[in-house]
C-alpha atoms as a PDB file:
ATOM      1  CA  MET A   1       0.130  -0.154  -0.136  1.00  0.00           C
ATOM      2  CA  ALA A   2       1.260   3.182  -0.830  1.00  0.00           C
ATOM      3  CA  LYS A   3       2.225   5.441   1.979  1.00  0.00           C
ATOM      4  CA  ASN A   4       3.007   9.421   2.135  1.00  0.00           C
ATOM      5  CA  TYR A   5       6.114  10.536   3.668  1.00  0.00           C
ATOM      6  CA  ILE A   6       7.624  14.097   4.085  1.00  0.00           C
ATOM      7  CA  ILE A   7      11.166  14.510   3.827  1.00  0.00           C
ATOM      8  CA  VAL A   8      12.696  17.719   4.812  1.00  0.00           C
ATOM      9  CA  GLY A   9      15.879  18.097   2.923  1.00  0.00           C
ATOM     10  CA  ALA A  10      15.173  15.767   0.256  1.00  0.00           C
ATOM     11  CA  SER A  11      17.217  17.562  -2.651  1.00  0.00           C
ATOM     12  CA  SER A  12      20.652  16.063  -1.609  1.00  0.00           C
ATOM     13  CA  GLY A  13      22.604  13.310   0.172  1.00  0.00           C
ATOM     14  CA  ILE A  14      20.690  11.249   2.699  1.00  0.00           C
ATOM     15  CA  GLY A  15      17.296  12.692   1.941  1.00  0.00           C
ATOM     16  CA  ALA A  16      17.509  12.481  -1.999  1.00  0.00           C
ATOM     17  CA  GLN A  17      18.613   8.527  -1.522  1.00  0.00           C
ATOM     18  CA  LEU A  18      15.696   8.171   0.647  1.00  0.00           C
ATOM     19  CA  ALA A  19      13.342   9.928  -1.280  1.00  0.00           C
ATOM     20  CA  GLU A  20      14.445   7.858  -4.699  1.00  0.00           C
ATOM     21  CA  GLN A  21      14.317   4.784  -2.747  1.00  0.00           C
ATOM     22  CA  LEU A  22      10.566   5.192  -1.314  1.00  0.00           C
ATOM     23  CA  VAL A  23       9.365   6.313  -4.911  1.00  0.00           C
ATOM     24  CA  ARG A  24      10.393   3.308  -6.691  1.00  0.00           C
ATOM     25  CA  GLU A  25       8.480   1.359  -4.242  1.00  0.00           C
ATOM     26  CA  GLY A  26       5.425   3.355  -4.845  1.00  0.00           C
ATOM     27  CA  HIS A  27       5.332   5.676  -2.150  1.00  0.00           C
ATOM     28  CA  HIS A  28       4.022   9.145  -2.606  1.00  0.00           C
ATOM     29  CA  VAL A  29       7.084  11.500  -1.137  1.00  0.00           C
ATOM     30  CA  LEU A  30       7.003  15.520  -0.797  1.00  0.00           C
ATOM     31  CA  GLY A  31      10.177  16.759  -0.390  1.00  0.00           C
ATOM     32  CA  LEU A  32      10.871  20.153   1.185  1.00  0.00           C
ATOM     33  CA  SER A  33      13.837  21.837   0.485  1.00  0.00           C
ATOM     34  CA  ARG A  34      15.263  25.110  -1.102  1.00  0.00           C
ATOM     35  CA  THR A  35      16.013  23.701  -4.496  1.00  0.00           C
ATOM     36  CA  ALA A  36      14.014  20.893  -6.438  1.00  0.00           C
ATOM     37  CA  SER A  37      14.519  17.475  -5.353  1.00  0.00           C
ATOM     38  CA  SER A  38      15.248  14.275  -8.307  1.00  0.00           C
ATOM     39  CA  ALA A  39      12.254  12.273  -6.542  1.00  0.00           C
ATOM     40  CA  GLY A  40       8.549  12.843  -5.785  1.00  0.00           C
ATOM     41  CA  GLU A  41       6.954  16.176  -5.127  1.00  0.00           C
ATOM     42  CA  HIS A  42       8.599  19.164  -4.325  1.00  0.00           C
ATOM     43  CA  GLU A  43       8.162  22.279  -2.422  1.00  0.00           C
ATOM     44  CA  VAL A  44      10.258  25.012  -1.924  1.00  0.00           C
ATOM     45  CA  TYR A  45      10.925  25.554   1.686  1.00  0.00           C
ATOM     46  CA  ASP A  46      13.725  27.065   3.973  1.00  0.00           C
ATOM     47  CA  VAL A  47      14.234  25.796   7.329  1.00  0.00           C
ATOM     48  CA  MET A  48      15.781  28.979   8.511  1.00  0.00           C
ATOM     49  CA  THR A  49      12.670  31.129   7.874  1.00  0.00           C
ATOM     50  CA  ALA A  50      10.064  27.907   8.415  1.00  0.00           C
ATOM     51  CA  GLY A  51       6.964  29.733   6.702  1.00  0.00           C
ATOM     52  CA  ASP A  52       3.970  27.484   6.487  1.00  0.00           C
ATOM     53  CA  ILE A  53       3.827  24.083   4.402  1.00  0.00           C
ATOM     54  CA  HIS A  54       1.553  24.238   1.570  1.00  0.00           C
ATOM     55  CA  SER A  55       1.347  20.641   0.032  1.00  0.00           C
ATOM     56  CA  LEU A  56       0.768  18.450   3.162  1.00  0.00           C
ATOM     57  CA  PRO A  57      -1.352  15.218   2.938  1.00  0.00           C
ATOM     58  CA  GLU A  58      -4.338  14.474   4.717  1.00  0.00           C
ATOM     59  CA  SER A  59      -2.498  11.729   6.365  1.00  0.00           C
ATOM     60  CA  ILE A  60       1.557  11.434   6.942  1.00  0.00           C
ATOM     61  CA  ASP A  61       2.712   8.205   7.423  1.00  0.00           C
ATOM     62  CA  GLY A  62       6.383   9.263   8.207  1.00  0.00           C
ATOM     63  CA  PHE A  63       8.173  12.454   8.966  1.00  0.00           C
ATOM     64  CA  ILE A  64      11.893  12.376   8.247  1.00  0.00           C
ATOM     65  CA  TYR A  65      14.468  15.765   9.035  1.00  0.00           C
ATOM     66  CA  CYS A  66      17.449  15.500   6.928  1.00  0.00           C
ATOM     67  CA  PRO A  67      18.858  18.976   7.000  1.00  0.00           C
ATOM     68  CA  GLY A  68      22.510  19.161   8.986  1.00  0.00           C
ATOM     69  CA  THR A  69      25.576  21.404   8.834  1.00  0.00           C
ATOM     70  CA  ILE A  70      29.245  20.577   9.585  1.00  0.00           C
ATOM     71  CA  SER A  71      31.230  23.633  11.059  1.00  0.00           C
ATOM     72  CA  LEU A  72      34.226  22.197  12.436  1.00  0.00           C
ATOM     73  CA  LYS A  73      36.200  25.041  14.318  1.00  0.00           C
ATOM     74  CA  PRO A  74      37.787  25.338  17.582  1.00  0.00           C
ATOM     75  CA  PHE A  75      35.636  26.526  20.354  1.00  0.00           C
ATOM     76  CA  ARG A  76      37.534  29.879  20.860  1.00  0.00           C
ATOM     77  CA  SER A  77      36.650  30.901  17.144  1.00  0.00           C
ATOM     78  CA  MET A  78      32.946  30.152  17.121  1.00  0.00           C
ATOM     79  CA  ARG A  79      30.775  33.484  16.839  1.00  0.00           C
ATOM     80  CA  MET A  80      27.665  33.035  18.938  1.00  0.00           C
ATOM     81  CA  GLU A  81      25.855  33.687  15.579  1.00  0.00           C
ATOM     82  CA  GLN A  82      27.603  30.384  14.642  1.00  0.00           C
ATOM     83  CA  PHE A  83      25.793  28.239  17.384  1.00  0.00           C
ATOM     84  CA  ARG A  84      22.710  30.222  16.802  1.00  0.00           C
ATOM     85  CA  GLU A  85      22.458  29.560  13.346  1.00  0.00           C
ATOM     86  CA  GLU A  86      23.505  25.659  14.076  1.00  0.00           C
ATOM     87  CA  MET A  87      20.537  25.220  16.443  1.00  0.00           C
ATOM     88  CA  GLU A  88      18.014  26.980  13.737  1.00  0.00           C
ATOM     89  CA  ILE A  89      18.904  24.318  11.088  1.00  0.00           C
ATOM     90  CA  ASN A  90      19.514  21.295  12.981  1.00  0.00           C
ATOM     91  CA  PHE A  91      16.780  21.759  16.117  1.00  0.00           C
ATOM     92  CA  PHE A  92      14.541  24.616  15.573  1.00  0.00           C
ATOM     93  CA  GLY A  93      13.721  23.539  12.192  1.00  0.00           C
ATOM     94  CA  ALA A  94      12.971  19.915  13.264  1.00  0.00           C
ATOM     95  CA  VAL A  95      10.709  21.556  15.898  1.00  0.00           C
ATOM     96  CA  GLN A  96       8.605  23.799  13.644  1.00  0.00           C
ATOM     97  CA  THR A  97       8.201  21.904  10.761  1.00  0.00           C
ATOM     98  CA  LEU A  98       7.222  18.610  12.853  1.00  0.00           C
ATOM     99  CA  LYS A  99       4.655  20.663  14.555  1.00  0.00           C
ATOM    100  CA  GLN A 100       2.710  21.580  11.230  1.00  0.00           C
ATOM    101  CA  CYS A 101       2.943  18.103  10.261  1.00  0.00           C
ATOM    102  CA  LEU A 102       1.572  16.661  13.765  1.00  0.00           C
ATOM    103  CA  LYS A 103      -1.993  16.507  12.901  1.00  0.00           C
ATOM    104  CA  GLY A 104      -1.197  14.253   9.631  1.00  0.00           C
ATOM    105  CA  LEU A 105       0.806  11.688  11.106  1.00  0.00           C
ATOM    106  CA  LYS A 106      -2.090  11.395  13.984  1.00  0.00           C
ATOM    107  CA  LYS A 107      -3.936  10.129  11.419  1.00  0.00           C
ATOM    108  CA  SER A 108      -2.056   7.155   9.993  1.00  0.00           C
ATOM    109  CA  GLU A 109      -1.856   3.651  11.225  1.00  0.00           C
ATOM    110  CA  ASN A 110       1.738   3.281  11.319  1.00  0.00           C
ATOM    111  CA  PRO A 111       3.330   6.918  12.168  1.00  0.00           C
ATOM    112  CA  SER A 112       7.042   7.273  12.003  1.00  0.00           C
ATOM    113  CA  VAL A 113       9.448  10.084  12.897  1.00  0.00           C
ATOM    114  CA  VAL A 114      12.945  10.250  12.070  1.00  0.00           C
ATOM    115  CA  PHE A 115      15.503  12.502  12.937  1.00  0.00           C
ATOM    116  CA  PHE A 116      19.289  12.643  12.323  1.00  0.00           C
ATOM    117  CA  SER A 117      22.210  13.139  15.115  1.00  0.00           C
ATOM    118  CA  THR A 118      25.866  12.511  14.694  1.00  0.00           C
ATOM    119  CA  VAL A 119      28.230  10.321  16.283  1.00  0.00           C
ATOM    120  CA  ALA A 120      30.108  13.479  17.840  1.00  0.00           C
ATOM    121  CA  VAL A 121      27.435  13.746  20.217  1.00  0.00           C
ATOM    122  CA  GLN A 122      28.418  10.255  22.340  1.00  0.00           C
ATOM    123  CA  GLN A 123      31.711  10.037  20.998  1.00  0.00           C
ATOM    124  CA  GLY A 124      33.115  13.435  21.953  1.00  0.00           C
ATOM    125  CA  MET A 125      35.494  14.730  19.528  1.00  0.00           C
ATOM    126  CA  PRO A 126      37.441  18.001  19.232  1.00  0.00           C
ATOM    127  CA  PHE A 127      35.879  21.035  16.815  1.00  0.00           C
ATOM    128  CA  HIS A 128      32.677  19.792  16.854  1.00  0.00           C
ATOM    129  CA  SER A 129      31.299  21.800  20.053  1.00  0.00           C
ATOM    130  CA  SER A 130      28.402  23.538  17.681  1.00  0.00           C
ATOM    131  CA  ILE A 131      27.224  20.618  15.661  1.00  0.00           C
ATOM    132  CA  SER A 132      27.302  17.953  18.786  1.00  0.00           C
ATOM    133  CA  SER A 133      25.253  20.726  20.979  1.00  0.00           C
ATOM    134  CA  ALA A 134      22.520  21.505  18.540  1.00  0.00           C
ATOM    135  CA  LYS A 135      22.271  17.556  17.674  1.00  0.00           C
ATOM    136  CA  GLY A 136      22.322  16.641  21.240  1.00  0.00           C
ATOM    137  CA  ALA A 137      19.290  18.769  21.724  1.00  0.00           C
ATOM    138  CA  LEU A 138      17.807  16.606  18.914  1.00  0.00           C
ATOM    139  CA  GLU A 139      18.595  13.286  20.672  1.00  0.00           C
ATOM    140  CA  GLY A 140      17.017  14.856  23.753  1.00  0.00           C
ATOM    141  CA  LEU A 141      13.827  15.789  21.656  1.00  0.00           C
ATOM    142  CA  THR A 142      13.707  12.190  20.075  1.00  0.00           C
ATOM    143  CA  ARG A 143      13.570  10.784  23.578  1.00  0.00           C
ATOM    144  CA  SER A 144      10.877  13.320  24.885  1.00  0.00           C
ATOM    145  CA  LEU A 145       8.784  12.932  22.029  1.00  0.00           C
ATOM    146  CA  ALA A 146       8.713   9.414  22.126  1.00  0.00           C
ATOM    147  CA  ALA A 147       7.323   9.316  25.315  1.00  0.00           C
ATOM    148  CA  GLU A 148       4.961  11.813  24.703  1.00  0.00           C
ATOM    149  CA  PHE A 149       3.871  10.698  21.501  1.00  0.00           C
ATOM    150  CA  ALA A 150       3.751   6.879  22.824  1.00  0.00           C
ATOM    151  CA  PRO A 151       1.698   4.672  21.584  1.00  0.00           C
ATOM    152  CA  LYS A 152       0.476   6.449  18.540  1.00  0.00           C
ATOM    153  CA  ILE A 153       3.487   8.100  16.635  1.00  0.00           C
ATOM    154  CA  ARG A 154       7.187   6.279  17.059  1.00  0.00           C
ATOM    155  CA  VAL A 155      10.161   8.988  17.295  1.00  0.00           C
ATOM    156  CA  ASN A 156      13.937   7.661  16.298  1.00  0.00           C
ATOM    157  CA  CYS A 157      17.086   9.129  15.565  1.00  0.00           C
ATOM    158  CA  ILE A 158      20.100   7.981  13.583  1.00  0.00           C
ATOM    159  CA  ALA A 159      23.317   8.898  14.662  1.00  0.00           C
ATOM    160  CA  PRO A 160      25.783   8.241  11.686  1.00  0.00           C
ATOM    161  CA  SER A 161      29.653   9.029  11.492  1.00  0.00           C
ATOM    162  CA  LEU A 162      31.155  10.865   8.252  1.00  0.00           C
ATOM    163  CA  VAL A 163      28.963  10.198   4.659  1.00  0.00           C
ATOM    164  CA  ASP A 164      30.353  11.027   1.765  1.00  0.00           C
ATOM    165  CA  THR A 165      27.683  13.721   0.810  1.00  0.00           C
ATOM    166  CA  PRO A 166      27.611  16.915  -0.631  1.00  0.00           C
ATOM    167  CA  LEU A 167      27.665  18.202   2.894  1.00  0.00           C
ATOM    168  CA  ALA A 168      30.469  16.523   3.699  1.00  0.00           C
ATOM    169  CA  SER A 169      32.315  17.727   0.294  1.00  0.00           C
ATOM    170  CA  LYS A 170      34.809  20.075   2.068  1.00  0.00           C
ATOM    171  CA  ILE A 171      36.451  17.199   4.383  1.00  0.00           C
ATOM    172  CA  LEU A 172      36.185  14.919   1.801  1.00  0.00           C
ATOM    173  CA  ASN A 173      37.709  16.662  -0.933  1.00  0.00           C
ATOM    174  CA  SER A 174      40.693  14.400  -1.968  1.00  0.00           C
ATOM    175  CA  GLU A 175      41.261  10.536  -2.333  1.00  0.00           C
ATOM    176  CA  GLU A 176      43.696  11.119   0.452  1.00  0.00           C
ATOM    177  CA  ARG A 177      41.366  12.475   2.722  1.00  0.00           C
ATOM    178  CA  LYS A 178      38.594   9.760   1.539  1.00  0.00           C
ATOM    179  CA  GLU A 179      41.457   7.044   2.880  1.00  0.00           C
ATOM    180  CA  ALA A 180      42.261   8.637   5.951  1.00  0.00           C
ATOM    181  CA  SER A 181      39.020   9.337   7.346  1.00  0.00           C
ATOM    182  CA  ALA A 182      38.383   5.591   6.329  1.00  0.00           C
ATOM    183  CA  LYS A 183      40.991   4.522   8.360  1.00  0.00           C
ATOM    184  CA  ARG A 184      39.282   6.046  11.427  1.00  0.00           C
ATOM    185  CA  HIS A 185      36.579   3.648  11.192  1.00  0.00           C
ATOM    186  CA  PRO A 186      36.660   0.080  12.468  1.00  0.00           C
ATOM    187  CA  LEU A 187      35.065  -0.890   9.041  1.00  0.00           C
ATOM    188  CA  LYS A 188      37.564   0.735   7.003  1.00  0.00           C
ATOM    189  CA  ARG A 189      35.299   2.798   4.888  1.00  0.00           C
ATOM    190  CA  VAL A 190      33.346   6.114   4.507  1.00  0.00           C
ATOM    191  CA  GLY A 191      29.733   5.587   5.024  1.00  0.00           C
ATOM    192  CA  GLU A 192      27.524   6.444   1.889  1.00  0.00           C
ATOM    193  CA  ALA A 193      24.010   7.722   1.381  1.00  0.00           C
ATOM    194  CA  LYS A 194      22.212   4.760   0.846  1.00  0.00           C
ATOM    195  CA  ASP A 195      23.754   3.163   4.159  1.00  0.00           C
ATOM    196  CA  ILE A 196      21.905   6.042   5.998  1.00  0.00           C
ATOM    197  CA  ALA A 197      18.644   5.708   3.737  1.00  0.00           C
ATOM    198  CA  ALA A 198      18.695   1.597   4.446  1.00  0.00           C
ATOM    199  CA  MET A 199      18.230   2.244   8.190  1.00  0.00           C
ATOM    200  CA  CYS A 200      15.911   5.208   8.123  1.00  0.00           C
ATOM    201  CA  LYS A 201      13.422   3.053   5.596  1.00  0.00           C
ATOM    202  CA  PHE A 202      13.661   0.456   8.292  1.00  0.00           C
ATOM    203  CA  LEU A 203      12.664   2.732  11.143  1.00  0.00           C
ATOM    204  CA  LEU A 204       9.776   3.927   9.032  1.00  0.00           C
ATOM    205  CA  SER A 205       8.384   0.373   8.106  1.00  0.00           C
ATOM    206  CA  GLU A 206       6.070  -2.405   9.827  1.00  0.00           C
ATOM    207  CA  GLU A 207       8.992  -4.204  10.746  1.00  0.00           C
ATOM    208  CA  ALA A 208       9.972  -1.137  13.312  1.00  0.00           C
ATOM    209  CA  THR A 209       6.663  -1.408  15.409  1.00  0.00           C
ATOM    210  CA  TRP A 210       8.135  -2.086  18.373  1.00  0.00           C
ATOM    211  CA  ILE A 211      11.137   0.423  17.945  1.00  0.00           C
ATOM    212  CA  THR A 212      10.674   4.003  19.490  1.00  0.00           C
ATOM    213  CA  GLY A 213      12.947   6.399  21.565  1.00  0.00           C
ATOM    214  CA  GLN A 214      16.246   4.916  20.229  1.00  0.00           C
ATOM    215  CA  VAL A 215      18.985   6.946  18.976  1.00  0.00           C
ATOM    216  CA  ILE A 216      20.801   4.375  16.493  1.00  0.00           C
ATOM    217  CA  SER A 217      24.399   4.207  15.636  1.00  0.00           C
ATOM    218  CA  VAL A 218      25.054   3.824  12.006  1.00  0.00           C
ATOM    219  CA  ASP A 219      28.835   4.751  11.730  1.00  0.00           C
ATOM    220  CA  GLY A 220      30.949   2.038  10.518  1.00  0.00           C
ATOM    221  CA  GLY A 221      31.778   0.776  14.389  1.00  0.00           C
ATOM    222  CA  MET A 222      32.991   4.335  15.295  1.00  0.00           C
ATOM    223  CA  SER A 223      31.103   4.898  18.470  1.00  0.00           C
ATOM    224  CA  SER A 224      31.550   1.386  20.104  1.00  0.00           C
ATOM    225  CA  VAL A 225      34.649  -0.455  18.386  1.00  0.00           C
ATOM    226  CA  ARG A 226      38.322  -0.296  18.696  1.00  0.00           C
ATOM    227  CA  VAL A 227      40.194  -2.200  16.530  1.00  0.00           C
END
């Protein structure tokens, strides 16, 4: 049966990969982003301004919030404006868009919400103060909403390590850098968008109806394995 999914940030990276997979399976996807997505329907939307969403279906089976940032700088050089921007994109944008979709999620038989964090929240990495703070807030929101929305709406979060997407292009801008990053992971490779999209699809599915309030690491073993 075709389902209705809202993907915020569906124009590139993990969001685009997920949208393509869901559309291929016959589902209806509404992508919300500043630029058009390659799969499903699209509505121009900027999480920094967070206006009204105009194309929402009556019933929403899944809400996925993909926008993210990578601002790796020493704490002493981070301006307050940068901390606020990280929070606006990663946390407040998620709150404001989810609020608009909540009515539709309540009308679904198996509604699921998926957020995205980062391995750096639990691992503790230098130069990640702003993004770890913002994503840490999102992890807290995940657990709180999972409790508040139970048993109707499931809420989970995926915490990836570095993934080879446009967002990470400045970090993975050469074969040498990709190889160095791969070596830091126990599984000896950098993540791909399809790795994360696969977990997201599972959390949206009927197979995950007993999973809520979880922050799931998909990180090549970075957060838990030493080799």
